[in-house]
Each structure stands twice: as C-alpha cells, then as structure tokens.
Amino acid sequence: MNKYILKLPVLDLAAAAARAAATKTDEEIVVMDMREVSAFTDVFVVVGARNTRQVKAIVDEVERSVKDDSNIRPIRIEGMDDCTWVLMDYGDMIIHIFNGDAREFYDLEGLWGDAPRVCGGAGGGSGASGV
C-alpha cells in the first residue's frame, strides 16, 4: 500500500470519496478495482459532472472529505484550468472527474473494462448509491 493512504484500506477510501462526490452530482459514479490490471494505482473513482462549477464543487468536497476521513491530501490535482477532465492523484487511488461529454470521449470504463467494478455502473442518476 502506498504511504499516502494511511488510515483506511484503499477500497474503503474510494467508497468514501465516491460518497463525497455523490453529494455534489447525480451523474453516475463508478469505483474500479485496478489492482489486477494496473501497476500504477489500486483503484479508480470515475465521476461525471455537468458543468465547470459542478466539477470544482466535486473536487472541493472530495478533497475535504478524504482529508477529514484519513488526514491525507492528493499528491497532485491536474486539469483545474479548464475542468474538462480533473485528475486527483492520491497514489493508490486516482479520482477522475469528467465534465460533460469528456467522460464518454475518453471512456475510461471501456478502456479499463477488465477491471472489476466495486460499485456503481448501474446507469445514470445516483450511481454511487451502492457505495
């Protein structure tokens, strides 16, 4: 386990991040277990948003919630300039927040289709309800 995720197992931390994101969006949220298909991270959290303001609200809420739950901050956050695709890198967990059609265009869920979905993926609406 990466030194950046200290207090919670990575899947629990990902579920907490997904729940935090779900408070700011009704778009589908998917948590993918990457441990068997990737050498660079253990879990993806994929989140959709409808506009730049919502992307920023999701980033702020996830960052605050993860810090409160586990006292860690992201190693880096990329993509805040245009908010089309924001990547929050926590080492063992990477959170992808897509604005509008960018999620469909980049299709991480399809690209990494061999990765098991831990929760989410049930279609639109509050896809993190099972988190």
N, C-alpha and C. Protein backbone atom coordinates (compact mmCIF):
# COMPACT_ATOMS: atom_id res chain seq x y z
N MET A 1 0.84 -1.19 0.00
CA MET A 1 0.00 0.00 0.00
C MET A 1 0.88 1.25 0.00
N ASN A 2 0.48 2.22 -0.73
CA ASN A 2 1.19 3.48 -0.85
C ASN A 2 1.21 4.21 0.49
N LYS A 3 2.27 4.91 0.77
CA LYS A 3 2.39 5.63 2.04
C LYS A 3 1.37 6.75 2.17
N TYR A 4 0.73 7.15 1.07
CA TYR A 4 -0.21 8.26 1.12
C TYR A 4 -1.58 7.85 1.65
N ILE A 5 -1.91 6.58 1.62
CA ILE A 5 -3.19 6.12 2.13
C ILE A 5 -2.91 5.37 3.42
N LEU A 6 -3.15 6.05 4.54
CA LEU A 6 -2.69 5.54 5.82
C LEU A 6 -3.77 4.89 6.67
N LYS A 7 -4.89 5.55 6.86
CA LYS A 7 -5.85 5.10 7.86
C LYS A 7 -6.87 4.09 7.34
N LEU A 8 -7.24 4.18 6.08
CA LEU A 8 -8.30 3.33 5.56
C LEU A 8 -7.78 2.43 4.45
N PRO A 9 -8.30 1.19 4.35
CA PRO A 9 -7.98 0.39 3.16
C PRO A 9 -8.42 1.16 1.91
N VAL A 10 -7.70 0.96 0.82
CA VAL A 10 -7.91 1.77 -0.37
C VAL A 10 -9.35 1.69 -0.90
N LEU A 11 -9.98 0.53 -0.86
CA LEU A 11 -11.35 0.43 -1.37
C LEU A 11 -12.33 1.17 -0.45
N ASP A 12 -12.07 1.18 0.84
CA ASP A 12 -12.91 1.95 1.76
C ASP A 12 -12.73 3.44 1.51
N LEU A 13 -11.51 3.85 1.28
CA LEU A 13 -11.24 5.26 0.98
C LEU A 13 -11.91 5.66 -0.33
N ALA A 14 -11.85 4.79 -1.33
CA ALA A 14 -12.50 5.07 -2.61
C ALA A 14 -14.02 5.18 -2.44
N ALA A 15 -14.60 4.32 -1.62
CA ALA A 15 -16.04 4.39 -1.37
C ALA A 15 -16.39 5.70 -0.67
N ALA A 16 -15.56 6.12 0.27
CA ALA A 16 -15.79 7.40 0.95
C ALA A 16 -15.68 8.56 -0.03
N ALA A 17 -14.70 8.51 -0.93
CA ALA A 17 -14.55 9.56 -1.94
C ALA A 17 -15.76 9.58 -2.87
N ALA A 18 -16.25 8.41 -3.26
CA ALA A 18 -17.42 8.33 -4.12
C ALA A 18 -18.66 8.89 -3.43
N ARG A 19 -18.81 8.58 -2.15
CA ARG A 19 -19.95 9.14 -1.40
C ARG A 19 -19.87 10.66 -1.33
N ALA A 20 -18.66 11.18 -1.13
CA ALA A 20 -18.48 12.63 -1.09
C ALA A 20 -18.84 13.24 -2.44
N ALA A 21 -18.38 12.63 -3.52
CA ALA A 21 -18.70 13.14 -4.86
C ALA A 21 -20.20 13.10 -5.11
N ALA A 22 -20.86 12.04 -4.63
CA ALA A 22 -22.29 11.88 -4.85
C ALA A 22 -23.12 12.99 -4.20
N THR A 23 -22.56 13.67 -3.20
CA THR A 23 -23.29 14.79 -2.59
C THR A 23 -23.32 16.01 -3.51
N LYS A 24 -22.51 16.00 -4.56
CA LYS A 24 -22.41 17.16 -5.45
C LYS A 24 -22.84 16.87 -6.88
N THR A 25 -23.18 15.62 -7.19
CA THR A 25 -23.60 15.28 -8.55
C THR A 25 -24.62 14.15 -8.52
N ASP A 26 -25.48 14.13 -9.54
CA ASP A 26 -26.38 12.98 -9.70
C ASP A 26 -25.96 12.14 -10.90
N GLU A 27 -24.80 12.44 -11.45
CA GLU A 27 -24.23 11.64 -12.53
C GLU A 27 -23.69 10.33 -11.96
N GLU A 28 -23.53 9.34 -12.81
CA GLU A 28 -23.04 8.04 -12.40
C GLU A 28 -21.62 8.13 -11.84
N ILE A 29 -21.37 7.39 -10.76
CA ILE A 29 -20.04 7.28 -10.16
C ILE A 29 -19.68 5.80 -10.15
N VAL A 30 -18.47 5.49 -10.64
CA VAL A 30 -18.02 4.11 -10.72
C VAL A 30 -16.69 3.99 -9.99
N VAL A 31 -16.59 2.97 -9.14
CA VAL A 31 -15.33 2.64 -8.47
C VAL A 31 -14.82 1.35 -9.09
N MET A 32 -13.58 1.39 -9.61
CA MET A 32 -12.99 0.25 -10.31
C MET A 32 -11.76 -0.24 -9.56
N ASP A 33 -11.71 -1.53 -9.29
CA ASP A 33 -10.55 -2.15 -8.63
C ASP A 33 -9.50 -2.42 -9.69
N MET A 34 -8.42 -1.65 -9.67
CA MET A 34 -7.38 -1.70 -10.71
C MET A 34 -6.22 -2.61 -10.35
N ARG A 35 -6.24 -3.24 -9.20
CA ARG A 35 -5.07 -3.97 -8.70
C ARG A 35 -4.60 -5.10 -9.61
N GLU A 36 -5.51 -5.74 -10.32
CA GLU A 36 -5.12 -6.85 -11.20
C GLU A 36 -4.77 -6.40 -12.61
N VAL A 37 -5.08 -5.16 -12.98
CA VAL A 37 -4.87 -4.71 -14.36
C VAL A 37 -3.91 -3.53 -14.49
N SER A 38 -3.45 -2.99 -13.39
CA SER A 38 -2.60 -1.80 -13.43
C SER A 38 -1.47 -1.89 -12.41
N ALA A 39 -0.32 -1.39 -12.81
CA ALA A 39 0.82 -1.35 -11.89
C ALA A 39 0.96 0.02 -11.24
N PHE A 40 0.18 1.00 -11.68
CA PHE A 40 0.39 2.37 -11.19
C PHE A 40 -0.61 2.84 -10.15
N THR A 41 -1.70 2.13 -9.95
CA THR A 41 -2.67 2.52 -8.92
C THR A 41 -3.53 1.32 -8.56
N ASP A 42 -4.22 1.40 -7.44
CA ASP A 42 -5.08 0.31 -6.99
C ASP A 42 -6.55 0.50 -7.33
N VAL A 43 -6.97 1.74 -7.44
CA VAL A 43 -8.40 2.00 -7.65
C VAL A 43 -8.61 3.29 -8.42
N PHE A 44 -9.61 3.26 -9.31
CA PHE A 44 -10.11 4.46 -9.99
C PHE A 44 -11.48 4.77 -9.41
N VAL A 45 -11.75 6.04 -9.23
CA VAL A 45 -13.10 6.53 -8.99
C VAL A 45 -13.41 7.44 -10.17
N VAL A 46 -14.45 7.11 -10.93
CA VAL A 46 -14.81 7.87 -12.13
C VAL A 46 -16.13 8.57 -11.86
N VAL A 47 -16.13 9.89 -12.05
CA VAL A 47 -17.26 10.74 -11.68
C VAL A 47 -17.63 11.61 -12.87
N GLY A 48 -18.91 11.82 -13.09
CA GLY A 48 -19.38 12.73 -14.12
C GLY A 48 -19.94 14.00 -13.52
N ALA A 49 -19.80 15.10 -14.27
CA ALA A 49 -20.34 16.39 -13.85
C ALA A 49 -20.94 17.07 -15.08
N ARG A 50 -21.80 18.04 -14.86
CA ARG A 50 -22.48 18.70 -15.97
C ARG A 50 -21.88 20.04 -16.37
N ASN A 51 -21.08 20.63 -15.49
CA ASN A 51 -20.50 21.93 -15.83
C ASN A 51 -19.27 22.19 -14.96
N THR A 52 -18.57 23.26 -15.29
CA THR A 52 -17.32 23.60 -14.60
C THR A 52 -17.55 23.84 -13.11
N ARG A 53 -18.59 24.53 -12.77
CA ARG A 53 -18.88 24.80 -11.36
C ARG A 53 -19.09 23.51 -10.58
N GLN A 54 -19.78 22.56 -11.18
CA GLN A 54 -20.01 21.28 -10.51
C GLN A 54 -18.70 20.50 -10.37
N VAL A 55 -17.85 20.53 -11.39
CA VAL A 55 -16.54 19.87 -11.29
C VAL A 55 -15.78 20.42 -10.10
N LYS A 56 -15.71 21.74 -9.98
CA LYS A 56 -14.99 22.36 -8.87
C LYS A 56 -15.60 22.00 -7.52
N ALA A 57 -16.92 21.95 -7.46
CA ALA A 57 -17.59 21.58 -6.20
C ALA A 57 -17.27 20.13 -5.82
N ILE A 58 -17.23 19.24 -6.80
CA ILE A 58 -16.89 17.84 -6.52
C ILE A 58 -15.45 17.73 -6.03
N VAL A 59 -14.53 18.40 -6.70
CA VAL A 59 -13.12 18.37 -6.29
C VAL A 59 -12.99 18.86 -4.85
N ASP A 60 -13.61 19.99 -4.55
CA ASP A 60 -13.52 20.56 -3.20
C ASP A 60 -14.09 19.60 -2.15
N GLU A 61 -15.25 19.01 -2.45
CA GLU A 61 -15.90 18.13 -1.48
C GLU A 61 -15.11 16.85 -1.27
N VAL A 62 -14.61 16.26 -2.35
CA VAL A 62 -13.82 15.03 -2.22
C VAL A 62 -12.54 15.31 -1.45
N GLU A 63 -11.85 16.40 -1.79
CA GLU A 63 -10.61 16.73 -1.09
C GLU A 63 -10.86 16.95 0.40
N ARG A 64 -11.92 17.68 0.74
CA ARG A 64 -12.24 17.93 2.14
C ARG A 64 -12.61 16.64 2.87
N SER A 65 -13.44 15.83 2.24
CA SER A 65 -13.92 14.61 2.88
C SER A 65 -12.80 13.59 3.10
N VAL A 66 -11.95 13.40 2.09
CA VAL A 66 -10.84 12.45 2.24
C VAL A 66 -9.87 12.94 3.31
N LYS A 67 -9.62 14.24 3.35
CA LYS A 67 -8.73 14.79 4.39
C LYS A 67 -9.34 14.57 5.77
N ASP A 68 -10.65 14.83 5.90
CA ASP A 68 -11.31 14.63 7.19
C ASP A 68 -11.30 13.17 7.62
N ASP A 69 -11.53 12.25 6.66
CA ASP A 69 -11.60 10.81 6.97
C ASP A 69 -10.25 10.19 7.24
N SER A 70 -9.21 10.63 6.51
CA SER A 70 -7.93 9.91 6.58
C SER A 70 -6.72 10.80 6.77
N ASN A 71 -6.97 12.10 6.84
CA ASN A 71 -5.89 13.07 7.05
C ASN A 71 -4.83 13.03 5.93
N ILE A 72 -5.28 12.78 4.70
CA ILE A 72 -4.36 12.84 3.56
C ILE A 72 -4.89 13.81 2.51
N ARG A 73 -3.98 14.32 1.75
CA ARG A 73 -4.30 15.22 0.64
C ARG A 73 -3.81 14.57 -0.65
N PRO A 74 -4.37 15.00 -1.77
CA PRO A 74 -3.87 14.44 -3.03
C PRO A 74 -2.40 14.80 -3.25
N ILE A 75 -1.68 13.89 -3.91
CA ILE A 75 -0.31 14.18 -4.31
C ILE A 75 -0.31 15.33 -5.29
N ARG A 76 -1.28 15.30 -6.19
CA ARG A 76 -1.45 16.40 -7.16
C ARG A 76 -2.88 16.37 -7.69
N ILE A 77 -3.30 17.52 -8.16
CA ILE A 77 -4.58 17.67 -8.85
C ILE A 77 -4.27 18.31 -10.19
N GLU A 78 -4.69 17.67 -11.27
CA GLU A 78 -4.42 18.18 -12.62
C GLU A 78 -5.74 18.44 -13.33
N GLY A 79 -5.74 19.43 -14.22
CA GLY A 79 -6.88 19.70 -15.07
C GLY A 79 -7.82 20.78 -14.58
N MET A 80 -7.46 21.48 -13.52
CA MET A 80 -8.35 22.52 -12.98
C MET A 80 -8.42 23.75 -13.87
N ASP A 81 -7.49 23.90 -14.81
CA ASP A 81 -7.50 25.07 -15.68
C ASP A 81 -8.76 25.14 -16.54
N ASP A 82 -9.14 24.01 -17.15
CA ASP A 82 -10.34 24.04 -17.99
C ASP A 82 -11.46 23.14 -17.46
N CYS A 83 -11.16 22.31 -16.48
CA CYS A 83 -12.16 21.46 -15.81
C CYS A 83 -12.88 20.50 -16.76
N THR A 84 -12.24 20.11 -17.86
CA THR A 84 -12.82 19.10 -18.74
C THR A 84 -12.62 17.72 -18.14
N TRP A 85 -11.40 17.47 -17.65
CA TRP A 85 -11.06 16.19 -17.00
C TRP A 85 -10.11 16.54 -15.87
N VAL A 86 -10.58 16.43 -14.65
CA VAL A 86 -9.75 16.69 -13.47
C VAL A 86 -9.32 15.35 -12.89
N LEU A 87 -8.04 15.24 -12.62
CA LEU A 87 -7.46 14.03 -12.05
C LEU A 87 -6.94 14.36 -10.66
N MET A 88 -7.45 13.66 -9.66
CA MET A 88 -6.99 13.81 -8.28
C MET A 88 -6.16 12.58 -7.96
N ASP A 89 -4.87 12.73 -7.81
CA ASP A 89 -3.95 11.61 -7.62
C ASP A 89 -3.61 11.45 -6.15
N TYR A 90 -4.08 10.35 -5.56
CA TYR A 90 -3.76 10.01 -4.18
C TYR A 90 -2.77 8.85 -4.10
N GLY A 91 -2.13 8.52 -5.21
CA GLY A 91 -1.21 7.40 -5.24
C GLY A 91 -1.95 6.11 -5.53
N ASP A 92 -2.41 5.42 -4.50
CA ASP A 92 -3.14 4.17 -4.68
C ASP A 92 -4.56 4.38 -5.19
N MET A 93 -5.04 5.61 -5.15
CA MET A 93 -6.38 5.93 -5.62
C MET A 93 -6.28 7.14 -6.55
N ILE A 94 -6.90 7.01 -7.73
CA ILE A 94 -6.97 8.14 -8.65
C ILE A 94 -8.44 8.42 -8.92
N ILE A 95 -8.82 9.67 -8.72
CA ILE A 95 -10.20 10.10 -8.95
C ILE A 95 -10.23 10.90 -10.24
N HIS A 96 -11.10 10.49 -11.16
CA HIS A 96 -11.27 11.16 -12.45
C HIS A 96 -12.63 11.84 -12.44
N ILE A 97 -12.65 13.14 -12.64
CA ILE A 97 -13.91 13.89 -12.69
C ILE A 97 -14.03 14.49 -14.08
N PHE A 98 -15.04 14.05 -14.81
CA PHE A 98 -15.24 14.47 -16.19
C PHE A 98 -16.40 15.45 -16.31
N ASN A 99 -16.21 16.47 -17.11
CA ASN A 99 -17.23 17.46 -17.40
C ASN A 99 -17.89 17.13 -18.73
N GLY A 100 -19.20 17.04 -18.73
CA GLY A 100 -19.95 16.86 -19.96
C GLY A 100 -19.59 15.60 -20.72
N ASP A 101 -19.34 15.76 -22.03
CA ASP A 101 -19.08 14.63 -22.91
C ASP A 101 -17.68 14.05 -22.79
N ALA A 102 -16.80 14.64 -21.99
CA ALA A 102 -15.42 14.16 -21.88
C ALA A 102 -15.38 12.73 -21.35
N ARG A 103 -16.29 12.39 -20.47
CA ARG A 103 -16.28 11.03 -19.92
C ARG A 103 -16.53 10.00 -21.01
N GLU A 104 -17.49 10.26 -21.85
CA GLU A 104 -17.78 9.34 -22.95
C GLU A 104 -16.63 9.33 -23.96
N PHE A 105 -16.05 10.49 -24.24
CA PHE A 105 -14.96 10.58 -25.21
C PHE A 105 -13.74 9.77 -24.75
N TYR A 106 -13.32 9.94 -23.51
CA TYR A 106 -12.13 9.23 -23.01
C TYR A 106 -12.43 7.79 -22.60
N ASP A 107 -13.66 7.49 -22.23
CA ASP A 107 -14.16 6.15 -21.96
C ASP A 107 -13.22 5.29 -21.11
N LEU A 108 -12.87 5.79 -19.94
CA LEU A 108 -12.00 5.01 -19.05
C LEU A 108 -12.63 3.68 -18.64
N GLU A 109 -13.95 3.68 -18.45
CA GLU A 109 -14.62 2.44 -18.07
C GLU A 109 -14.48 1.39 -19.17
N GLY A 110 -14.50 1.81 -20.43
CA GLY A 110 -14.30 0.88 -21.55
C GLY A 110 -12.85 0.49 -21.72
N LEU A 111 -11.97 1.48 -21.63
CA LEU A 111 -10.54 1.24 -21.78
C LEU A 111 -10.03 0.26 -20.74
N TRP A 112 -10.50 0.40 -19.52
CA TRP A 112 -10.10 -0.48 -18.42
C TRP A 112 -11.24 -1.45 -18.09
N GLY A 113 -11.91 -1.95 -19.11
CA GLY A 113 -13.07 -2.82 -18.93
C GLY A 113 -12.79 -4.11 -18.20
N ASP A 114 -11.51 -4.54 -18.16
CA ASP A 114 -11.16 -5.76 -17.42
C ASP A 114 -11.11 -5.55 -15.92
N ALA A 115 -11.11 -4.31 -15.48
CA ALA A 115 -11.05 -4.01 -14.04
C ALA A 115 -12.44 -4.22 -13.43
N PRO A 116 -12.51 -4.96 -12.35
CA PRO A 116 -13.81 -5.17 -11.70
C PRO A 116 -14.38 -3.86 -11.16
N ARG A 117 -15.66 -3.70 -11.31
CA ARG A 117 -16.36 -2.56 -10.73
C ARG A 117 -16.75 -2.93 -9.31
N VAL A 118 -16.27 -2.13 -8.39
CA VAL A 118 -16.55 -2.38 -6.98
C VAL A 118 -17.94 -1.88 -6.65
N CYS A 119 -18.30 -0.74 -7.21
CA CYS A 119 -19.65 -0.21 -7.05
C CYS A 119 -19.91 0.77 -8.18
N GLY A 120 -21.17 1.09 -8.37
CA GLY A 120 -21.55 1.99 -9.45
C GLY A 120 -21.77 1.22 -10.73
N GLY A 121 -21.97 1.95 -11.80
CA GLY A 121 -22.15 1.35 -13.11
C GLY A 121 -23.56 0.90 -13.41
N ALA A 122 -24.51 1.35 -12.59
CA ALA A 122 -25.87 0.91 -12.78
C ALA A 122 -26.66 1.84 -13.68
N GLY A 123 -25.99 2.78 -14.34
CA GLY A 123 -26.69 3.73 -15.19
C GLY A 123 -26.66 5.10 -14.54
N GLY A 124 -27.42 6.02 -15.12
CA GLY A 124 -27.41 7.40 -14.65
C GLY A 124 -27.99 7.54 -13.26
N GLY A 125 -28.20 8.76 -12.87
CA GLY A 125 -28.72 9.01 -11.53
C GLY A 125 -27.63 8.89 -10.50
N SER A 126 -28.02 8.55 -9.28
CA SER A 126 -27.03 8.49 -8.20
C SER A 126 -26.33 7.15 -8.23
N GLY A 127 -25.38 7.02 -9.15
CA GLY A 127 -24.66 5.78 -9.37
C GLY A 127 -23.85 5.34 -8.18
N ALA A 128 -23.66 6.20 -7.22
CA ALA A 128 -22.87 5.84 -6.03
C ALA A 128 -23.77 5.37 -4.90
N SER A 129 -25.03 5.14 -5.17
CA SER A 129 -25.94 4.76 -4.09
C SER A 129 -25.53 3.46 -3.41
N GLY A 130 -24.81 2.59 -4.13
CA GLY A 130 -24.36 1.35 -3.53
C GLY A 130 -23.02 1.47 -2.86
N VAL A 131 -22.49 2.70 -2.78
CA VAL A 131 -21.16 2.92 -2.21
C VAL A 131 -21.24 2.89 -0.72
